[in-house]
Every structure is written in C-alpha cells, then in structure tokens.
Amino acid sequence: MGSGDCELHVLAVDDSSVDRAVIARILRNSKYRVTAVDSAERALEVLEMEPNVNMIITDYCMPEMNGYELLRRVKGSRDLREIPVVIMSSEYIPNRITRCMEEGAEDFLIKPVRPSDVSRLCGRLRN
C-alpha cells in the first residue's frame, strides 16, 4: 500500500442506521477501512477479535451501553486503552463533553459530523 496513508481501521458505533451510514461514508471517503456496528456490545466483540483498531468513533446516546460506558470499558482495558475514542452526540451538553474528555476521549463531535471533523481526527490516529 504505497504512502502508508491508509488501511487505518476505524470502528464506528451508532445505533442509528442512518447516522452509521453517514459516518462510515465520510470515513471511507477519507480512505479508512471501516467496521460499522450498531451497539457498544458489538463493538466490544469486534475489539476482542481485532484489538488493533486505530480509532473508535461512537455515538453517545445508545440503548443498553452508551458511548461513555464504552469509553470507560476501552480505557479500563489493558489491551485496548491505547485506542483513541471519539464520541459523537447530536446534543451539545457541556458537562457530558467534559466528563467524556476527563475519562480519556480523544474528541467530542457534535452531529451532523462533517468531513472536516474527520480530517481533523486523522492527525490523532495511532498507526
């Protein structure tokens, strides 16, 4: 793969199929390999099989386990805690953002996520 700019693997987590498709398309347009799943539980299953994901981008509001809880599980895991986690939310709630950042989130994006948001994230990916 030439310049090494990609085959970076991003795990996108969103219970909304529409939002999931949007973020997956933006990421693929930025040349990422994307695995899109519909729940935090599925995300953890994927990470068990493939812990070398370069970034996790997850919705905040999801049933069962929300994005904050997923973030805590990732950051609390010896094997996964190096993976940058980006949280997305359609609501701008400052204390929610602060809490996620304090827990180790790499960034907090307000939906709709734009391609410029994703290109900003590129600089933060672990290779």
N, C-alpha and C. Protein backbone atom coordinates (compact mmCIF):
# COMPACT_ATOMS: atom_id res chain seq x y z
N MET A 1 0.85 -1.20 0.00
CA MET A 1 0.00 0.00 0.00
C MET A 1 0.88 1.24 0.00
N GLY A 2 1.38 1.78 -0.95
CA GLY A 2 2.14 2.98 -1.10
C GLY A 2 2.38 3.84 0.12
N SER A 3 1.84 5.04 0.12
CA SER A 3 2.27 6.09 1.04
C SER A 3 1.95 5.82 2.50
N GLY A 4 1.35 4.69 2.81
CA GLY A 4 1.07 4.39 4.20
C GLY A 4 -0.03 5.27 4.76
N ASP A 5 -0.75 6.00 3.88
CA ASP A 5 -1.77 6.88 4.43
C ASP A 5 -2.96 6.08 4.90
N CYS A 6 -3.12 4.84 4.40
CA CYS A 6 -4.27 4.20 4.99
C CYS A 6 -4.20 2.74 5.24
N GLU A 7 -5.37 2.19 5.09
CA GLU A 7 -5.70 0.96 5.76
C GLU A 7 -5.63 1.18 7.26
N LEU A 8 -5.88 2.40 7.69
CA LEU A 8 -6.14 2.60 9.10
C LEU A 8 -7.57 2.12 9.32
N HIS A 9 -7.77 1.40 10.40
CA HIS A 9 -9.05 0.75 10.64
C HIS A 9 -9.81 1.49 11.73
N VAL A 10 -11.01 1.96 11.39
CA VAL A 10 -11.83 2.69 12.34
C VAL A 10 -13.09 1.87 12.64
N LEU A 11 -13.40 1.78 13.92
CA LEU A 11 -14.61 1.10 14.37
C LEU A 11 -15.64 2.19 14.65
N ALA A 12 -16.75 2.18 13.88
CA ALA A 12 -17.80 3.19 14.04
C ALA A 12 -19.00 2.53 14.73
N VAL A 13 -19.49 3.16 15.80
CA VAL A 13 -20.54 2.57 16.62
C VAL A 13 -21.71 3.55 16.71
N ASP A 14 -22.86 3.15 16.20
CA ASP A 14 -24.04 4.03 16.29
C ASP A 14 -25.28 3.16 16.13
N ASP A 15 -26.25 3.35 17.02
CA ASP A 15 -27.46 2.52 16.93
C ASP A 15 -28.38 3.00 15.81
N SER A 16 -28.16 4.20 15.27
CA SER A 16 -28.97 4.69 14.16
C SER A 16 -28.33 4.27 12.83
N SER A 17 -29.08 3.54 12.03
CA SER A 17 -28.51 3.05 10.77
C SER A 17 -28.17 4.22 9.84
N VAL A 18 -28.96 5.29 9.89
CA VAL A 18 -28.70 6.45 9.04
C VAL A 18 -27.39 7.12 9.46
N ASP A 19 -27.25 7.39 10.76
CA ASP A 19 -26.03 8.03 11.25
C ASP A 19 -24.81 7.16 11.00
N ARG A 20 -25.01 5.85 11.16
CA ARG A 20 -23.91 4.90 10.96
C ARG A 20 -23.45 4.95 9.51
N ALA A 21 -24.40 5.02 8.59
CA ALA A 21 -24.06 5.07 7.17
C ALA A 21 -23.33 6.37 6.83
N VAL A 22 -23.77 7.48 7.44
CA VAL A 22 -23.15 8.78 7.18
C VAL A 22 -21.70 8.77 7.63
N ILE A 23 -21.47 8.35 8.88
CA ILE A 23 -20.10 8.39 9.40
C ILE A 23 -19.21 7.40 8.65
N ALA A 24 -19.76 6.24 8.30
CA ALA A 24 -18.96 5.25 7.56
C ALA A 24 -18.56 5.80 6.20
N ARG A 25 -19.50 6.51 5.55
CA ARG A 25 -19.18 7.06 4.22
C ARG A 25 -18.10 8.13 4.33
N ILE A 26 -18.22 9.02 5.32
CA ILE A 26 -17.20 10.06 5.48
C ILE A 26 -15.82 9.43 5.74
N LEU A 27 -15.81 8.42 6.61
CA LEU A 27 -14.53 7.76 6.94
C LEU A 27 -13.95 7.06 5.71
N ARG A 28 -14.82 6.38 4.96
CA ARG A 28 -14.32 5.67 3.77
C ARG A 28 -13.81 6.65 2.73
N ASN A 29 -14.48 7.81 2.61
CA ASN A 29 -14.01 8.83 1.68
C ASN A 29 -12.64 9.36 2.11
N SER A 30 -12.35 9.28 3.40
CA SER A 30 -11.02 9.68 3.89
C SER A 30 -10.07 8.49 3.85
N LYS A 31 -10.49 7.43 3.18
CA LYS A 31 -9.64 6.28 2.92
C LYS A 31 -9.42 5.35 4.11
N TYR A 32 -10.30 5.42 5.10
CA TYR A 32 -10.19 4.47 6.19
C TYR A 32 -10.89 3.18 5.85
N ARG A 33 -10.44 2.12 6.49
CA ARG A 33 -11.19 0.87 6.48
C ARG A 33 -12.13 0.98 7.67
N VAL A 34 -13.41 0.75 7.43
CA VAL A 34 -14.42 0.97 8.46
C VAL A 34 -15.16 -0.31 8.80
N THR A 35 -15.28 -0.58 10.09
CA THR A 35 -16.21 -1.60 10.56
C THR A 35 -17.29 -0.84 11.30
N ALA A 36 -18.54 -0.96 10.85
CA ALA A 36 -19.65 -0.23 11.47
C ALA A 36 -20.54 -1.22 12.21
N VAL A 37 -20.80 -0.93 13.48
CA VAL A 37 -21.65 -1.80 14.29
C VAL A 37 -22.73 -0.97 14.97
N ASP A 38 -23.79 -1.64 15.42
CA ASP A 38 -24.96 -0.91 15.91
C ASP A 38 -25.08 -0.84 17.43
N SER A 39 -24.07 -1.32 18.15
CA SER A 39 -24.14 -1.24 19.61
C SER A 39 -22.75 -1.32 20.22
N ALA A 40 -22.65 -0.83 21.46
CA ALA A 40 -21.38 -0.90 22.18
C ALA A 40 -20.99 -2.35 22.44
N GLU A 41 -22.00 -3.18 22.69
CA GLU A 41 -21.71 -4.61 22.93
C GLU A 41 -21.05 -5.23 21.71
N ARG A 42 -21.60 -4.93 20.52
CA ARG A 42 -21.00 -5.46 19.28
C ARG A 42 -19.58 -4.90 19.10
N ALA A 43 -19.41 -3.64 19.46
CA ALA A 43 -18.08 -3.03 19.32
C ALA A 43 -17.07 -3.79 20.17
N LEU A 44 -17.45 -4.15 21.38
CA LEU A 44 -16.53 -4.88 22.26
C LEU A 44 -16.23 -6.27 21.69
N GLU A 45 -17.23 -6.88 21.05
CA GLU A 45 -16.99 -8.19 20.40
C GLU A 45 -15.97 -8.04 19.28
N VAL A 46 -16.13 -7.00 18.47
CA VAL A 46 -15.18 -6.76 17.36
C VAL A 46 -13.78 -6.55 17.93
N LEU A 47 -13.68 -5.77 19.00
CA LEU A 47 -12.38 -5.46 19.58
C LEU A 47 -11.71 -6.69 20.17
N GLU A 48 -12.51 -7.64 20.63
CA GLU A 48 -11.93 -8.89 21.12
C GLU A 48 -11.27 -9.64 19.99
N MET A 49 -11.92 -9.62 18.82
CA MET A 49 -11.38 -10.34 17.67
C MET A 49 -10.26 -9.56 17.00
N GLU A 50 -10.37 -8.24 17.03
CA GLU A 50 -9.41 -7.40 16.32
C GLU A 50 -9.04 -6.19 17.16
N PRO A 51 -8.16 -6.39 18.14
CA PRO A 51 -7.81 -5.29 19.06
C PRO A 51 -6.93 -4.22 18.44
N ASN A 52 -6.46 -4.44 17.19
CA ASN A 52 -5.56 -3.45 16.58
C ASN A 52 -6.32 -2.42 15.76
N VAL A 53 -7.47 -1.98 16.25
CA VAL A 53 -8.23 -0.91 15.61
C VAL A 53 -7.48 0.40 15.87
N ASN A 54 -7.49 1.31 14.90
CA ASN A 54 -6.74 2.56 15.05
C ASN A 54 -7.54 3.66 15.73
N MET A 55 -8.88 3.56 15.65
CA MET A 55 -9.71 4.55 16.32
C MET A 55 -11.12 3.99 16.47
N ILE A 56 -11.78 4.41 17.56
CA ILE A 56 -13.19 4.08 17.76
C ILE A 56 -13.95 5.40 17.73
N ILE A 57 -14.99 5.46 16.92
CA ILE A 57 -15.85 6.65 16.91
C ILE A 57 -17.25 6.17 17.27
N THR A 58 -17.78 6.67 18.37
CA THR A 58 -19.04 6.12 18.87
C THR A 58 -20.05 7.20 19.21
N ASP A 59 -21.30 6.88 18.97
CA ASP A 59 -22.38 7.74 19.38
C ASP A 59 -22.44 7.74 20.91
N TYR A 60 -22.93 8.83 21.48
CA TYR A 60 -23.08 8.88 22.94
C TYR A 60 -24.37 8.16 23.37
N CYS A 61 -25.48 8.54 22.75
CA CYS A 61 -26.78 8.02 23.19
C CYS A 61 -27.12 6.71 22.48
N MET A 62 -26.97 5.61 23.19
CA MET A 62 -27.35 4.31 22.64
C MET A 62 -28.01 3.51 23.75
N PRO A 63 -28.91 2.60 23.38
CA PRO A 63 -29.54 1.77 24.42
C PRO A 63 -28.52 0.82 25.03
N GLU A 64 -28.87 0.23 26.14
CA GLU A 64 -28.01 -0.68 26.89
C GLU A 64 -26.73 -0.01 27.36
N MET A 65 -25.72 0.09 26.50
CA MET A 65 -24.46 0.70 26.92
C MET A 65 -24.21 1.94 26.08
N ASN A 66 -24.09 3.11 26.73
CA ASN A 66 -23.89 4.32 25.93
C ASN A 66 -22.40 4.54 25.61
N GLY A 67 -22.14 5.61 24.86
CA GLY A 67 -20.77 5.87 24.41
C GLY A 67 -19.81 6.11 25.56
N TYR A 68 -20.31 6.74 26.62
CA TYR A 68 -19.46 7.00 27.79
C TYR A 68 -19.05 5.68 28.45
N GLU A 69 -20.01 4.78 28.57
CA GLU A 69 -19.71 3.47 29.18
C GLU A 69 -18.74 2.67 28.32
N LEU A 70 -18.92 2.76 26.99
CA LEU A 70 -17.99 2.08 26.08
C LEU A 70 -16.59 2.67 26.25
N LEU A 71 -16.51 4.00 26.31
CA LEU A 71 -15.23 4.68 26.53
C LEU A 71 -14.56 4.16 27.80
N ARG A 72 -15.33 4.05 28.88
CA ARG A 72 -14.76 3.58 30.14
C ARG A 72 -14.27 2.14 30.05
N ARG A 73 -15.01 1.32 29.30
CA ARG A 73 -14.58 -0.08 29.13
C ARG A 73 -13.27 -0.15 28.35
N VAL A 74 -13.17 0.67 27.29
CA VAL A 74 -11.95 0.67 26.48
C VAL A 74 -10.77 1.19 27.29
N LYS A 75 -10.96 2.32 27.98
CA LYS A 75 -9.86 2.93 28.73
C LYS A 75 -9.49 2.10 29.95
N GLY A 76 -10.40 1.26 30.41
CA GLY A 76 -10.12 0.40 31.56
C GLY A 76 -9.49 -0.92 31.18
N SER A 77 -9.28 -1.13 29.87
CA SER A 77 -8.74 -2.40 29.40
C SER A 77 -7.26 -2.25 29.04
N ARG A 78 -6.45 -3.14 29.59
CA ARG A 78 -5.02 -3.09 29.32
C ARG A 78 -4.73 -3.21 27.83
N ASP A 79 -5.52 -4.03 27.14
CA ASP A 79 -5.26 -4.28 25.72
C ASP A 79 -5.78 -3.17 24.81
N LEU A 80 -6.81 -2.46 25.26
CA LEU A 80 -7.50 -1.52 24.37
C LEU A 80 -7.24 -0.05 24.69
N ARG A 81 -6.68 0.24 25.86
CA ARG A 81 -6.72 1.63 26.31
C ARG A 81 -5.92 2.61 25.45
N GLU A 82 -5.02 2.08 24.60
CA GLU A 82 -4.27 2.98 23.71
C GLU A 82 -5.09 3.45 22.52
N ILE A 83 -6.23 2.84 22.28
CA ILE A 83 -7.03 3.19 21.09
C ILE A 83 -7.74 4.53 21.34
N PRO A 84 -7.56 5.51 20.44
CA PRO A 84 -8.29 6.77 20.61
C PRO A 84 -9.79 6.53 20.44
N VAL A 85 -10.57 7.15 21.33
CA VAL A 85 -12.03 7.03 21.25
C VAL A 85 -12.61 8.43 21.03
N VAL A 86 -13.42 8.56 19.99
CA VAL A 86 -14.08 9.83 19.69
C VAL A 86 -15.58 9.62 19.93
N ILE A 87 -16.17 10.54 20.68
CA ILE A 87 -17.60 10.45 20.98
C ILE A 87 -18.37 11.42 20.07
N MET A 88 -19.52 10.99 19.57
CA MET A 88 -20.38 11.86 18.78
C MET A 88 -21.71 12.02 19.52
N SER A 89 -22.30 13.20 19.41
CA SER A 89 -23.62 13.40 20.00
C SER A 89 -24.37 14.46 19.23
N SER A 90 -25.67 14.30 19.14
CA SER A 90 -26.47 15.32 18.47
C SER A 90 -26.81 16.46 19.43
N GLU A 91 -26.49 16.28 20.70
CA GLU A 91 -26.80 17.33 21.67
C GLU A 91 -25.51 17.94 22.20
N TYR A 92 -25.51 19.26 22.33
CA TYR A 92 -24.36 19.94 22.90
C TYR A 92 -24.63 20.10 24.40
N ILE A 93 -24.03 19.22 25.19
CA ILE A 93 -24.21 19.26 26.65
C ILE A 93 -22.82 19.34 27.26
N PRO A 94 -22.41 20.57 27.65
CA PRO A 94 -21.01 20.77 28.08
C PRO A 94 -20.53 19.80 29.15
N ASN A 95 -21.35 19.52 30.18
CA ASN A 95 -20.80 18.65 31.24
C ASN A 95 -20.65 17.21 30.75
N ARG A 96 -21.45 16.81 29.78
CA ARG A 96 -21.29 15.48 29.17
C ARG A 96 -19.96 15.44 28.41
N ILE A 97 -19.69 16.50 27.67
CA ILE A 97 -18.44 16.57 26.90
C ILE A 97 -17.25 16.53 27.85
N THR A 98 -17.32 17.34 28.90
CA THR A 98 -16.23 17.40 29.89
C THR A 98 -15.99 16.04 30.51
N ARG A 99 -17.07 15.35 30.86
CA ARG A 99 -16.94 14.04 31.51
C ARG A 99 -16.26 13.04 30.58
N CYS A 100 -16.66 13.07 29.31
CA CYS A 100 -16.05 12.15 28.34
C CYS A 100 -14.57 12.46 28.14
N MET A 101 -14.24 13.75 28.06
CA MET A 101 -12.84 14.13 27.87
C MET A 101 -12.00 13.75 29.10
N GLU A 102 -12.59 13.94 30.28
CA GLU A 102 -11.86 13.57 31.51
C GLU A 102 -11.62 12.08 31.58
N GLU A 103 -12.52 11.32 31.00
CA GLU A 103 -12.41 9.86 31.04
C GLU A 103 -11.45 9.36 29.95
N GLY A 104 -10.95 10.29 29.12
CA GLY A 104 -9.92 9.90 28.15
C GLY A 104 -10.35 9.94 26.70
N ALA A 105 -11.53 10.51 26.39
CA ALA A 105 -11.94 10.61 24.99
C ALA A 105 -10.96 11.51 24.24
N GLU A 106 -10.74 11.17 22.99
CA GLU A 106 -9.81 11.93 22.14
C GLU A 106 -10.47 13.21 21.66
N ASP A 107 -11.78 13.14 21.40
CA ASP A 107 -12.50 14.30 20.89
C ASP A 107 -13.99 14.04 21.08
N PHE A 108 -14.77 15.11 20.95
CA PHE A 108 -16.22 15.02 21.09
C PHE A 108 -16.80 15.81 19.93
N LEU A 109 -17.50 15.13 19.03
CA LEU A 109 -18.04 15.77 17.83
C LEU A 109 -19.54 15.94 17.97
N ILE A 110 -20.02 17.09 17.54
CA ILE A 110 -21.46 17.31 17.53
C ILE A 110 -21.98 16.92 16.14
N LYS A 111 -23.04 16.10 16.12
CA LYS A 111 -23.63 15.70 14.84
C LYS A 111 -24.43 16.86 14.26
N PRO A 112 -24.58 16.94 12.95
CA PRO A 112 -24.00 16.01 11.98
C PRO A 112 -22.49 16.17 11.85
N VAL A 113 -21.81 15.04 11.84
CA VAL A 113 -20.36 15.04 11.69
C VAL A 113 -20.02 15.42 10.24
N ARG A 114 -19.05 16.29 10.09
CA ARG A 114 -18.67 16.76 8.76
C ARG A 114 -17.31 16.19 8.37
N PRO A 115 -17.05 16.14 7.06
CA PRO A 115 -15.73 15.63 6.62
C PRO A 115 -14.57 16.38 7.27
N SER A 116 -14.74 17.69 7.51
CA SER A 116 -13.64 18.45 8.13
C SER A 116 -13.36 17.95 9.55
N ASP A 117 -14.41 17.49 10.25
CA ASP A 117 -14.20 16.92 11.59
C ASP A 117 -13.31 15.70 11.49
N VAL A 118 -13.60 14.88 10.50
CA VAL A 118 -12.87 13.62 10.34
C VAL A 118 -11.42 13.89 9.94
N SER A 119 -11.21 14.88 9.07
CA SER A 119 -9.81 15.14 8.68
C SER A 119 -9.03 15.68 9.87
N ARG A 120 -9.70 16.38 10.79
CA ARG A 120 -9.01 16.84 12.00
C ARG A 120 -8.58 15.66 12.86
N LEU A 121 -9.40 14.62 12.86
CA LEU A 121 -9.09 13.44 13.67
C LEU A 121 -7.90 12.66 13.15
N CYS A 122 -7.67 12.77 11.84
CA CYS A 122 -6.63 11.95 11.23
C CYS A 122 -5.29 12.11 11.93
N GLY A 123 -5.02 13.34 12.37
CA GLY A 123 -3.74 13.60 12.99
C GLY A 123 -3.60 12.88 14.35
N ARG A 124 -4.71 12.36 14.86
CA ARG A 124 -4.66 11.79 16.20
C ARG A 124 -4.61 10.28 16.19
N LEU A 125 -4.67 9.70 15.03
CA LEU A 125 -4.76 8.24 14.97
C LEU A 125 -3.45 7.59 15.32
N ARG A 126 -3.55 6.49 16.01
CA ARG A 126 -2.31 5.73 16.25
C ARG A 126 -2.09 4.87 15.04
N ASN A 127 -0.86 4.79 14.58
CA ASN A 127 -0.57 3.98 13.39
C ASN A 127 -0.16 2.59 13.79
